Amino acid sequence: MKSAISLADRGIAQFYTFAAGKERSRTTMPSMERKVFWGCFILLGLLADFALPIWWALAATIPIAYVSWWVAYRSDWF
């Protein structure tokens, strides 16, 4: 009986914590990851555009996209 009450109390406590806005929103992290990805992609793309000839810069787009994806989503830096 005690475990059923504690589960109910915990469920209510979690609801109140969520309602009070104390839990982190799930939309915050994907939004930040998306901003980091596009910021990194644009920065590296511009560096490639100014440092490399046009065909090399176009060919560098795929590795730049991979590096940007890794930094934003896989590196756990953000």
N, C-alpha and C. Protein backbone atom coordinates (compact mmCIF):
# COMPACT_ATOMS: atom_id res chain seq x y z
N MET A 1 0.81 -1.20 0.00
CA MET A 1 0.00 0.00 0.00
C MET A 1 0.86 1.27 0.00
N LYS A 2 1.94 1.18 0.75
CA LYS A 2 2.80 2.35 0.83
C LYS A 2 3.42 2.70 -0.53
N SER A 3 3.79 1.69 -1.32
CA SER A 3 4.39 1.96 -2.62
C SER A 3 3.39 2.60 -3.57
N ALA A 4 2.11 2.21 -3.49
CA ALA A 4 1.10 2.82 -4.35
C ALA A 4 0.91 4.29 -4.01
N ILE A 5 0.96 4.63 -2.76
CA ILE A 5 0.81 6.03 -2.36
C ILE A 5 2.02 6.83 -2.81
N SER A 6 3.20 6.27 -2.64
CA SER A 6 4.40 7.02 -3.01
C SER A 6 4.45 7.22 -4.53
N LEU A 7 3.98 6.23 -5.30
CA LEU A 7 3.94 6.41 -6.75
C LEU A 7 2.97 7.52 -7.12
N ALA A 8 1.84 7.55 -6.46
CA ALA A 8 0.86 8.60 -6.75
C ALA A 8 1.42 9.97 -6.36
N ASP A 9 2.06 10.02 -5.18
CA ASP A 9 2.64 11.30 -4.75
C ASP A 9 3.74 11.76 -5.71
N ARG A 10 4.54 10.82 -6.15
CA ARG A 10 5.61 11.17 -7.08
C ARG A 10 5.05 11.67 -8.41
N GLY A 11 3.99 11.04 -8.88
CA GLY A 11 3.36 11.47 -10.12
C GLY A 11 2.80 12.87 -10.01
N ILE A 12 2.18 13.16 -8.86
CA ILE A 12 1.63 14.50 -8.65
C ILE A 12 2.76 15.51 -8.52
N ALA A 13 3.84 15.13 -7.83
CA ALA A 13 4.97 16.04 -7.68
C ALA A 13 5.60 16.33 -9.04
N GLN A 14 5.70 15.32 -9.89
CA GLN A 14 6.25 15.55 -11.23
C GLN A 14 5.35 16.47 -12.03
N PHE A 15 4.04 16.31 -11.88
CA PHE A 15 3.12 17.18 -12.59
C PHE A 15 3.28 18.62 -12.15
N TYR A 16 3.37 18.85 -10.83
CA TYR A 16 3.53 20.21 -10.34
C TYR A 16 4.87 20.81 -10.74
N THR A 17 5.91 20.00 -10.76
CA THR A 17 7.21 20.49 -11.21
C THR A 17 7.14 20.91 -12.68
N PHE A 18 6.49 20.10 -13.50
CA PHE A 18 6.33 20.42 -14.91
C PHE A 18 5.48 21.67 -15.09
N ALA A 19 4.37 21.76 -14.34
CA ALA A 19 3.46 22.89 -14.46
C ALA A 19 4.13 24.18 -14.02
N ALA A 20 5.04 24.10 -13.06
CA ALA A 20 5.72 25.29 -12.58
C ALA A 20 6.84 25.74 -13.52
N GLY A 21 7.14 24.94 -14.54
CA GLY A 21 8.16 25.31 -15.50
C GLY A 21 9.57 25.04 -15.02
N LYS A 22 9.72 24.14 -14.05
CA LYS A 22 11.04 23.86 -13.52
C LYS A 22 11.80 22.84 -14.34
N GLU A 23 11.12 22.08 -15.15
CA GLU A 23 11.80 21.12 -16.02
C GLU A 23 12.21 21.80 -17.31
N ARG A 24 13.30 21.34 -17.87
CA ARG A 24 13.80 21.94 -19.11
C ARG A 24 12.90 21.53 -20.26
N SER A 25 12.63 22.45 -21.10
CA SER A 25 11.79 22.19 -22.27
C SER A 25 12.52 21.30 -23.25
N ARG A 26 11.82 20.38 -23.88
CA ARG A 26 12.43 19.48 -24.85
C ARG A 26 12.72 20.20 -26.16
N THR A 27 12.09 21.33 -26.42
CA THR A 27 12.34 22.05 -27.66
C THR A 27 13.59 22.91 -27.59
N THR A 28 14.13 23.14 -26.40
CA THR A 28 15.30 24.01 -26.27
C THR A 28 16.54 23.39 -26.89
N MET A 29 16.81 22.13 -26.59
CA MET A 29 18.03 21.51 -27.07
C MET A 29 18.03 21.32 -28.60
N PRO A 30 16.98 20.76 -29.21
CA PRO A 30 17.02 20.67 -30.68
C PRO A 30 17.13 22.02 -31.36
N SER A 31 16.53 23.05 -30.78
CA SER A 31 16.64 24.38 -31.36
C SER A 31 18.08 24.87 -31.29
N MET A 32 18.74 24.64 -30.18
CA MET A 32 20.14 25.06 -30.05
C MET A 32 21.02 24.26 -30.99
N GLU A 33 20.79 22.96 -31.10
CA GLU A 33 21.58 22.13 -32.00
C GLU A 33 21.42 22.59 -33.44
N ARG A 34 20.20 22.96 -33.80
CA ARG A 34 19.96 23.43 -35.17
C ARG A 34 20.71 24.73 -35.42
N LYS A 35 20.72 25.64 -34.44
CA LYS A 35 21.44 26.90 -34.60
C LYS A 35 22.94 26.68 -34.70
N VAL A 36 23.46 25.76 -33.89
CA VAL A 36 24.89 25.46 -33.95
C VAL A 36 25.24 24.84 -35.30
N PHE A 37 24.39 23.92 -35.78
CA PHE A 37 24.66 23.30 -37.08
C PHE A 37 24.72 24.34 -38.19
N TRP A 38 23.70 25.18 -38.28
CA TRP A 38 23.67 26.15 -39.38
C TRP A 38 24.75 27.22 -39.23
N GLY A 39 25.05 27.62 -38.00
CA GLY A 39 26.12 28.59 -37.78
C GLY A 39 27.47 28.04 -38.20
N CYS A 40 27.74 26.81 -37.81
CA CYS A 40 28.99 26.15 -38.19
C CYS A 40 29.06 25.93 -39.70
N PHE A 41 27.95 25.50 -40.29
CA PHE A 41 27.90 25.24 -41.73
C PHE A 41 28.15 26.52 -42.52
N ILE A 42 27.52 27.60 -42.12
CA ILE A 42 27.69 28.88 -42.83
C ILE A 42 29.11 29.41 -42.66
N LEU A 43 29.64 29.35 -41.44
CA LEU A 43 30.99 29.84 -41.19
C LEU A 43 32.03 29.05 -41.98
N LEU A 44 31.96 27.74 -41.91
CA LEU A 44 32.92 26.92 -42.67
C LEU A 44 32.72 27.06 -44.18
N GLY A 45 31.47 27.21 -44.61
CA GLY A 45 31.19 27.41 -46.03
C GLY A 45 31.78 28.72 -46.55
N LEU A 46 31.65 29.78 -45.76
CA LEU A 46 32.22 31.06 -46.17
C LEU A 46 33.74 31.01 -46.18
N LEU A 47 34.32 30.32 -45.19
CA LEU A 47 35.78 30.16 -45.20
C LEU A 47 36.23 29.41 -46.45
N ALA A 48 35.51 28.37 -46.82
CA ALA A 48 35.86 27.61 -48.03
C ALA A 48 35.67 28.46 -49.27
N ASP A 49 34.62 29.27 -49.31
CA ASP A 49 34.37 30.12 -50.49
C ASP A 49 35.50 31.12 -50.72
N PHE A 50 36.01 31.69 -49.64
CA PHE A 50 37.06 32.69 -49.80
C PHE A 50 38.45 32.09 -49.92
N ALA A 51 38.66 30.90 -49.38
CA ALA A 51 40.01 30.32 -49.37
C ALA A 51 40.27 29.38 -50.55
N LEU A 52 39.22 28.83 -51.14
CA LEU A 52 39.38 27.83 -52.19
C LEU A 52 38.79 28.31 -53.51
N PRO A 53 39.27 27.78 -54.62
CA PRO A 53 38.62 28.05 -55.91
C PRO A 53 37.18 27.51 -55.88
N ILE A 54 36.35 27.99 -56.79
CA ILE A 54 34.91 27.71 -56.74
C ILE A 54 34.60 26.21 -56.76
N TRP A 55 35.27 25.44 -57.62
CA TRP A 55 34.96 24.01 -57.70
C TRP A 55 35.40 23.25 -56.46
N TRP A 56 36.52 23.66 -55.87
CA TRP A 56 36.96 23.03 -54.62
C TRP A 56 36.02 23.41 -53.48
N ALA A 57 35.55 24.64 -53.49
CA ALA A 57 34.61 25.07 -52.44
C ALA A 57 33.29 24.30 -52.55
N LEU A 58 32.83 24.07 -53.78
CA LEU A 58 31.61 23.28 -53.96
C LEU A 58 31.82 21.83 -53.53
N ALA A 59 32.99 21.28 -53.84
CA ALA A 59 33.28 19.91 -53.43
C ALA A 59 33.45 19.80 -51.91
N ALA A 60 33.87 20.87 -51.28
CA ALA A 60 34.07 20.87 -49.83
C ALA A 60 32.75 20.97 -49.06
N THR A 61 31.65 21.18 -49.73
CA THR A 61 30.36 21.34 -49.06
C THR A 61 29.94 20.08 -48.31
N ILE A 62 30.18 18.91 -48.89
CA ILE A 62 29.78 17.66 -48.23
C ILE A 62 30.59 17.42 -46.96
N PRO A 63 31.92 17.52 -46.98
CA PRO A 63 32.65 17.38 -45.72
C PRO A 63 32.30 18.46 -44.69
N ILE A 64 32.02 19.67 -45.17
CA ILE A 64 31.62 20.74 -44.26
C ILE A 64 30.29 20.40 -43.59
N ALA A 65 29.36 19.86 -44.35
CA ALA A 65 28.07 19.45 -43.76
C ALA A 65 28.27 18.35 -42.73
N TYR A 66 29.16 17.40 -43.03
CA TYR A 66 29.41 16.32 -42.08
C TYR A 66 30.04 16.85 -40.80
N VAL A 67 31.04 17.71 -40.91
CA VAL A 67 31.70 18.28 -39.73
C VAL A 67 30.71 19.11 -38.92
N SER A 68 29.88 19.89 -39.58
CA SER A 68 28.87 20.70 -38.88
C SER A 68 27.88 19.82 -38.14
N TRP A 69 27.44 18.75 -38.79
CA TRP A 69 26.52 17.81 -38.14
C TRP A 69 27.17 17.18 -36.92
N TRP A 70 28.43 16.77 -37.05
CA TRP A 70 29.11 16.13 -35.94
C TRP A 70 29.26 17.08 -34.76
N VAL A 71 29.65 18.32 -35.04
CA VAL A 71 29.83 19.31 -33.97
C VAL A 71 28.51 19.57 -33.27
N ALA A 72 27.43 19.73 -34.02
CA ALA A 72 26.15 20.11 -33.43
C ALA A 72 25.46 18.95 -32.72
N TYR A 73 25.49 17.76 -33.31
CA TYR A 73 24.65 16.68 -32.79
C TYR A 73 25.41 15.56 -32.10
N ARG A 74 26.65 15.32 -32.42
CA ARG A 74 27.35 14.15 -31.90
C ARG A 74 28.46 14.45 -30.90
N SER A 75 28.98 15.66 -30.88
CA SER A 75 30.16 15.94 -30.07
C SER A 75 29.85 16.13 -28.59
N ASP A 76 28.60 16.37 -28.24
CA ASP A 76 28.19 16.66 -26.84
C ASP A 76 28.87 17.89 -26.28
N TRP A 77 29.23 18.82 -27.13
CA TRP A 77 29.79 20.08 -26.66
C TRP A 77 28.68 21.05 -26.28
N PHE A 78 27.47 20.82 -26.79
CA PHE A 78 26.37 21.76 -26.54
C PHE A 78 25.22 21.07 -25.90
